[in-house]
N, C-alpha and C. Protein backbone atom coordinates (compact mmCIF):
# COMPACT_ATOMS: atom_id res chain seq x y z
N MET A 1 -2.11 -13.63 -8.37
CA MET A 1 -1.89 -13.51 -6.95
C MET A 1 -2.88 -14.38 -6.21
N THR A 2 -2.50 -14.79 -5.02
CA THR A 2 -3.37 -15.66 -4.24
C THR A 2 -4.19 -14.83 -3.27
N THR A 3 -5.06 -15.51 -2.55
CA THR A 3 -5.85 -14.82 -1.53
C THR A 3 -5.29 -15.10 -0.14
N ASP A 4 -4.07 -15.60 -0.04
CA ASP A 4 -3.45 -15.89 1.24
C ASP A 4 -2.93 -14.61 1.87
N THR A 5 -3.64 -14.08 2.87
CA THR A 5 -3.22 -12.83 3.51
C THR A 5 -2.17 -13.08 4.59
N HIS A 6 -1.81 -14.33 4.81
CA HIS A 6 -0.82 -14.64 5.84
C HIS A 6 0.50 -15.07 5.23
N ALA A 7 0.78 -14.64 4.01
CA ALA A 7 2.06 -14.95 3.37
C ALA A 7 3.17 -14.26 4.15
N PRO A 8 4.35 -14.88 4.22
CA PRO A 8 5.45 -14.27 4.97
C PRO A 8 5.84 -12.93 4.37
N LEU A 9 6.18 -11.98 5.23
CA LEU A 9 6.56 -10.65 4.76
C LEU A 9 7.92 -10.66 4.09
N ASP A 10 8.73 -11.71 4.30
CA ASP A 10 10.05 -11.79 3.69
C ASP A 10 10.06 -12.73 2.48
N ALA A 11 8.91 -12.91 1.84
CA ALA A 11 8.80 -13.80 0.69
C ALA A 11 9.67 -13.27 -0.46
N PRO A 12 10.16 -14.17 -1.32
CA PRO A 12 11.03 -13.75 -2.41
C PRO A 12 10.31 -12.87 -3.42
N VAL A 13 11.08 -12.01 -4.07
CA VAL A 13 10.56 -11.10 -5.08
C VAL A 13 11.22 -11.44 -6.40
N THR A 14 10.44 -11.43 -7.47
CA THR A 14 10.99 -11.70 -8.80
C THR A 14 11.58 -10.43 -9.38
N HIS A 15 12.45 -10.56 -10.36
CA HIS A 15 13.07 -9.41 -11.01
C HIS A 15 12.92 -9.54 -12.52
N SER A 16 12.76 -8.41 -13.20
CA SER A 16 12.65 -8.42 -14.64
C SER A 16 13.22 -7.12 -15.20
N GLU A 17 13.04 -6.90 -16.48
CA GLU A 17 13.61 -5.75 -17.15
C GLU A 17 12.84 -4.46 -16.89
N THR A 18 11.54 -4.52 -16.60
CA THR A 18 10.77 -3.31 -16.42
C THR A 18 10.66 -2.95 -14.95
N PRO A 19 10.75 -1.65 -14.61
CA PRO A 19 10.74 -1.24 -13.20
C PRO A 19 9.51 -1.71 -12.42
N GLU A 20 8.30 -1.61 -13.01
CA GLU A 20 7.11 -2.03 -12.26
C GLU A 20 7.16 -3.51 -11.95
N ASP A 21 7.63 -4.33 -12.91
CA ASP A 21 7.72 -5.77 -12.67
C ASP A 21 8.77 -6.09 -11.62
N GLU A 22 9.79 -5.25 -11.49
CA GLU A 22 10.80 -5.49 -10.46
C GLU A 22 10.20 -5.37 -9.08
N LEU A 23 9.18 -4.54 -8.93
CA LEU A 23 8.53 -4.34 -7.63
C LEU A 23 7.45 -5.36 -7.36
N ARG A 24 6.96 -6.03 -8.41
CA ARG A 24 5.84 -6.96 -8.27
C ARG A 24 6.30 -8.24 -7.57
N PRO A 25 5.63 -8.67 -6.48
CA PRO A 25 6.01 -9.90 -5.80
C PRO A 25 5.79 -11.12 -6.68
N SER A 26 6.55 -12.16 -6.42
CA SER A 26 6.37 -13.38 -7.19
C SER A 26 5.02 -13.99 -6.88
N ALA A 27 4.50 -14.77 -7.80
CA ALA A 27 3.17 -15.34 -7.67
C ALA A 27 3.04 -16.14 -6.38
N GLY A 28 1.93 -15.94 -5.69
CA GLY A 28 1.64 -16.72 -4.51
C GLY A 28 2.22 -16.16 -3.22
N THR A 29 2.93 -15.03 -3.28
CA THR A 29 3.54 -14.53 -2.05
C THR A 29 2.70 -13.48 -1.35
N HIS A 30 1.82 -12.81 -2.08
CA HIS A 30 1.03 -11.75 -1.47
C HIS A 30 -0.38 -11.75 -2.03
N ASP A 31 -1.27 -11.21 -1.28
CA ASP A 31 -2.66 -11.08 -1.68
C ASP A 31 -2.87 -9.68 -2.26
N ALA A 32 -3.89 -9.53 -3.06
CA ALA A 32 -4.20 -8.23 -3.66
C ALA A 32 -4.48 -7.18 -2.59
N GLU A 33 -4.87 -7.58 -1.39
CA GLU A 33 -5.15 -6.62 -0.33
C GLU A 33 -3.89 -6.22 0.45
N VAL A 34 -2.75 -6.74 0.11
CA VAL A 34 -1.51 -6.38 0.80
C VAL A 34 -0.90 -5.14 0.16
N ILE A 35 -0.88 -5.10 -1.16
CA ILE A 35 -0.40 -3.93 -1.86
C ILE A 35 -1.41 -3.53 -2.92
N ALA A 36 -1.34 -2.28 -3.33
CA ALA A 36 -2.17 -1.79 -4.43
C ALA A 36 -1.26 -0.93 -5.31
N TRP A 37 -1.23 -1.23 -6.60
CA TRP A 37 -0.42 -0.47 -7.55
C TRP A 37 -1.05 0.90 -7.76
N PHE A 38 -0.22 1.93 -7.95
CA PHE A 38 -0.72 3.28 -8.12
C PHE A 38 -1.80 3.36 -9.19
N GLY A 39 -1.62 2.67 -10.30
CA GLY A 39 -2.58 2.73 -11.41
C GLY A 39 -3.90 2.07 -11.10
N GLU A 40 -3.99 1.36 -9.99
CA GLU A 40 -5.21 0.63 -9.63
C GLU A 40 -6.03 1.34 -8.55
N VAL A 41 -5.55 2.48 -8.04
CA VAL A 41 -6.26 3.15 -6.95
C VAL A 41 -6.67 4.57 -7.36
N SER A 42 -7.66 5.08 -6.65
CA SER A 42 -8.14 6.44 -6.90
C SER A 42 -8.55 7.06 -5.57
N ARG A 43 -9.11 8.25 -5.65
CA ARG A 43 -9.54 8.92 -4.42
C ARG A 43 -10.65 8.16 -3.70
N ASP A 44 -11.30 7.24 -4.39
CA ASP A 44 -12.32 6.41 -3.76
C ASP A 44 -11.73 5.35 -2.85
N ASP A 45 -10.40 5.18 -2.88
CA ASP A 45 -9.73 4.14 -2.10
C ASP A 45 -8.98 4.67 -0.87
N VAL A 46 -9.31 5.88 -0.43
CA VAL A 46 -8.59 6.49 0.69
C VAL A 46 -8.60 5.60 1.93
N ALA A 47 -9.73 5.00 2.26
CA ALA A 47 -9.81 4.15 3.46
C ALA A 47 -8.90 2.93 3.33
N ARG A 48 -8.70 2.46 2.11
CA ARG A 48 -7.90 1.25 1.89
C ARG A 48 -6.41 1.54 1.74
N VAL A 49 -6.05 2.68 1.13
CA VAL A 49 -4.64 2.94 0.83
C VAL A 49 -4.13 4.26 1.40
N GLY A 50 -4.98 5.01 2.10
CA GLY A 50 -4.57 6.28 2.66
C GLY A 50 -4.60 7.41 1.63
N GLY A 51 -4.49 8.61 2.12
CA GLY A 51 -4.56 9.78 1.26
C GLY A 51 -3.41 9.89 0.28
N LYS A 52 -2.20 9.67 0.75
CA LYS A 52 -1.05 9.78 -0.14
C LYS A 52 -1.10 8.73 -1.25
N GLY A 53 -1.45 7.50 -0.91
CA GLY A 53 -1.56 6.44 -1.91
C GLY A 53 -2.64 6.75 -2.93
N ALA A 54 -3.79 7.23 -2.44
CA ALA A 54 -4.88 7.58 -3.35
C ALA A 54 -4.48 8.72 -4.28
N ASN A 55 -3.78 9.72 -3.75
CA ASN A 55 -3.33 10.83 -4.58
C ASN A 55 -2.32 10.38 -5.63
N LEU A 56 -1.41 9.49 -5.26
CA LEU A 56 -0.46 8.96 -6.25
C LEU A 56 -1.20 8.19 -7.34
N GLY A 57 -2.25 7.49 -6.97
CA GLY A 57 -3.08 6.80 -7.95
C GLY A 57 -3.76 7.77 -8.89
N GLU A 58 -4.29 8.86 -8.35
CA GLU A 58 -4.94 9.87 -9.18
C GLU A 58 -3.94 10.50 -10.16
N LEU A 59 -2.74 10.81 -9.67
CA LEU A 59 -1.71 11.40 -10.54
C LEU A 59 -1.31 10.43 -11.65
N THR A 60 -1.18 9.15 -11.30
CA THR A 60 -0.82 8.13 -12.28
C THR A 60 -1.92 8.01 -13.33
N ARG A 61 -3.16 7.94 -12.88
CA ARG A 61 -4.30 7.80 -13.81
C ARG A 61 -4.44 9.03 -14.71
N ALA A 62 -3.99 10.19 -14.22
CA ALA A 62 -4.07 11.41 -15.02
C ALA A 62 -2.94 11.49 -16.05
N GLY A 63 -2.01 10.53 -16.00
CA GLY A 63 -0.92 10.50 -16.96
C GLY A 63 0.27 11.35 -16.59
N LEU A 64 0.32 11.83 -15.36
CA LEU A 64 1.47 12.61 -14.91
C LEU A 64 2.66 11.70 -14.65
N PRO A 65 3.87 12.23 -14.71
CA PRO A 65 5.06 11.39 -14.55
C PRO A 65 5.29 10.93 -13.11
N VAL A 66 4.68 9.83 -12.74
CA VAL A 66 4.85 9.21 -11.43
C VAL A 66 5.61 7.91 -11.63
N PRO A 67 6.71 7.70 -10.91
CA PRO A 67 7.44 6.43 -11.06
C PRO A 67 6.52 5.26 -10.73
N PRO A 68 6.72 4.12 -11.40
CA PRO A 68 5.90 2.93 -11.08
C PRO A 68 6.05 2.58 -9.61
N GLY A 69 4.97 2.23 -8.98
CA GLY A 69 5.08 1.87 -7.58
C GLY A 69 3.77 1.37 -7.00
N PHE A 70 3.81 1.13 -5.71
CA PHE A 70 2.65 0.59 -5.01
C PHE A 70 2.57 1.19 -3.63
N VAL A 71 1.44 0.99 -3.00
CA VAL A 71 1.23 1.42 -1.63
C VAL A 71 0.85 0.19 -0.81
N VAL A 72 1.33 0.12 0.41
CA VAL A 72 0.94 -0.95 1.33
C VAL A 72 -0.44 -0.58 1.86
N THR A 73 -1.37 -1.50 1.79
CA THR A 73 -2.74 -1.22 2.21
C THR A 73 -2.85 -1.13 3.73
N ALA A 74 -3.92 -0.49 4.16
CA ALA A 74 -4.18 -0.38 5.60
C ALA A 74 -4.35 -1.75 6.23
N SER A 75 -5.00 -2.68 5.53
CA SER A 75 -5.19 -4.02 6.11
C SER A 75 -3.86 -4.74 6.26
N ALA A 76 -2.93 -4.53 5.33
CA ALA A 76 -1.60 -5.15 5.44
C ALA A 76 -0.82 -4.56 6.61
N TYR A 77 -0.94 -3.26 6.79
CA TYR A 77 -0.27 -2.60 7.91
C TYR A 77 -0.79 -3.15 9.23
N LEU A 78 -2.11 -3.29 9.36
CA LEU A 78 -2.69 -3.82 10.59
C LEU A 78 -2.30 -5.28 10.80
N LEU A 79 -2.23 -6.05 9.72
CA LEU A 79 -1.80 -7.44 9.80
C LEU A 79 -0.36 -7.52 10.32
N ALA A 80 0.50 -6.66 9.82
CA ALA A 80 1.90 -6.64 10.28
C ALA A 80 1.97 -6.25 11.76
N LEU A 81 1.16 -5.28 12.17
CA LEU A 81 1.13 -4.91 13.60
C LEU A 81 0.70 -6.10 14.45
N ASP A 82 -0.32 -6.83 13.99
CA ASP A 82 -0.81 -7.99 14.73
C ASP A 82 0.25 -9.09 14.79
N GLN A 83 0.90 -9.37 13.67
CA GLN A 83 1.91 -10.44 13.64
C GLN A 83 3.09 -10.12 14.54
N ALA A 84 3.42 -8.85 14.68
CA ALA A 84 4.53 -8.45 15.53
C ALA A 84 4.11 -8.25 16.98
N GLY A 85 2.80 -8.26 17.25
CA GLY A 85 2.30 -8.03 18.60
C GLY A 85 2.29 -6.56 18.97
N THR A 86 2.54 -5.70 18.02
CA THR A 86 2.64 -4.27 18.28
C THR A 86 1.30 -3.64 18.59
N ARG A 87 0.25 -4.05 17.91
CA ARG A 87 -1.05 -3.44 18.15
C ARG A 87 -1.50 -3.70 19.59
N GLN A 88 -1.28 -4.91 20.07
CA GLN A 88 -1.64 -5.25 21.45
C GLN A 88 -0.82 -4.40 22.43
N GLU A 89 0.46 -4.20 22.11
CA GLU A 89 1.33 -3.39 22.96
C GLU A 89 0.86 -1.93 22.99
N LEU A 90 0.41 -1.41 21.86
CA LEU A 90 -0.05 -0.03 21.78
C LEU A 90 -1.35 0.19 22.54
N ARG A 91 -2.12 -0.86 22.75
CA ARG A 91 -3.38 -0.74 23.48
C ARG A 91 -3.18 -0.64 24.99
N ARG A 92 -2.02 -1.06 25.46
CA ARG A 92 -1.74 -0.99 26.91
C ARG A 92 -1.43 0.44 27.31
N PRO A 93 -1.89 0.85 28.49
CA PRO A 93 -1.56 2.20 28.95
C PRO A 93 -0.06 2.31 29.20
N PRO A 94 0.49 3.48 28.98
CA PRO A 94 1.93 3.67 29.21
C PRO A 94 2.26 3.50 30.70
N THR A 95 3.47 3.07 30.97
CA THR A 95 3.92 2.91 32.36
C THR A 95 5.08 3.87 32.60
N GLY A 96 5.23 4.27 33.84
CA GLY A 96 6.36 5.09 34.22
C GLY A 96 6.13 6.59 34.11
N ALA A 97 5.14 7.01 33.40
CA ALA A 97 4.85 8.44 33.28
C ALA A 97 3.37 8.65 33.52
N PRO A 98 3.02 9.80 34.08
CA PRO A 98 1.59 10.06 34.30
C PRO A 98 0.84 10.06 32.97
N PHE A 99 -0.34 9.51 32.98
CA PHE A 99 -1.15 9.41 31.78
C PHE A 99 -2.44 10.19 31.97
N ARG A 100 -2.70 11.10 31.07
CA ARG A 100 -3.93 11.88 31.12
C ARG A 100 -4.82 11.46 29.97
N SER A 101 -6.07 11.23 30.25
CA SER A 101 -6.98 10.81 29.17
C SER A 101 -7.79 11.97 28.66
């Protein structure tokens, strides 16, 4: 994987015979900080992958039957918000209705 955190979100995905490989993006399309595979995260990664992602990682590492998968990282989520202009929009006060702070 590359370190390009600005790869397009609609980049092509490769396909193979194994389920985990079917989910893995093709080389050069995503950075390691965009997704994290369940087997690569633990409860120490809550800030990076959230509670649910960290718990799925713990279950996977414990050998419980968790389907192969990944979690979108917090940094990738914020990057997507920035690219769409959504984070800036969310920072503006609401209009049309009274706002209490």
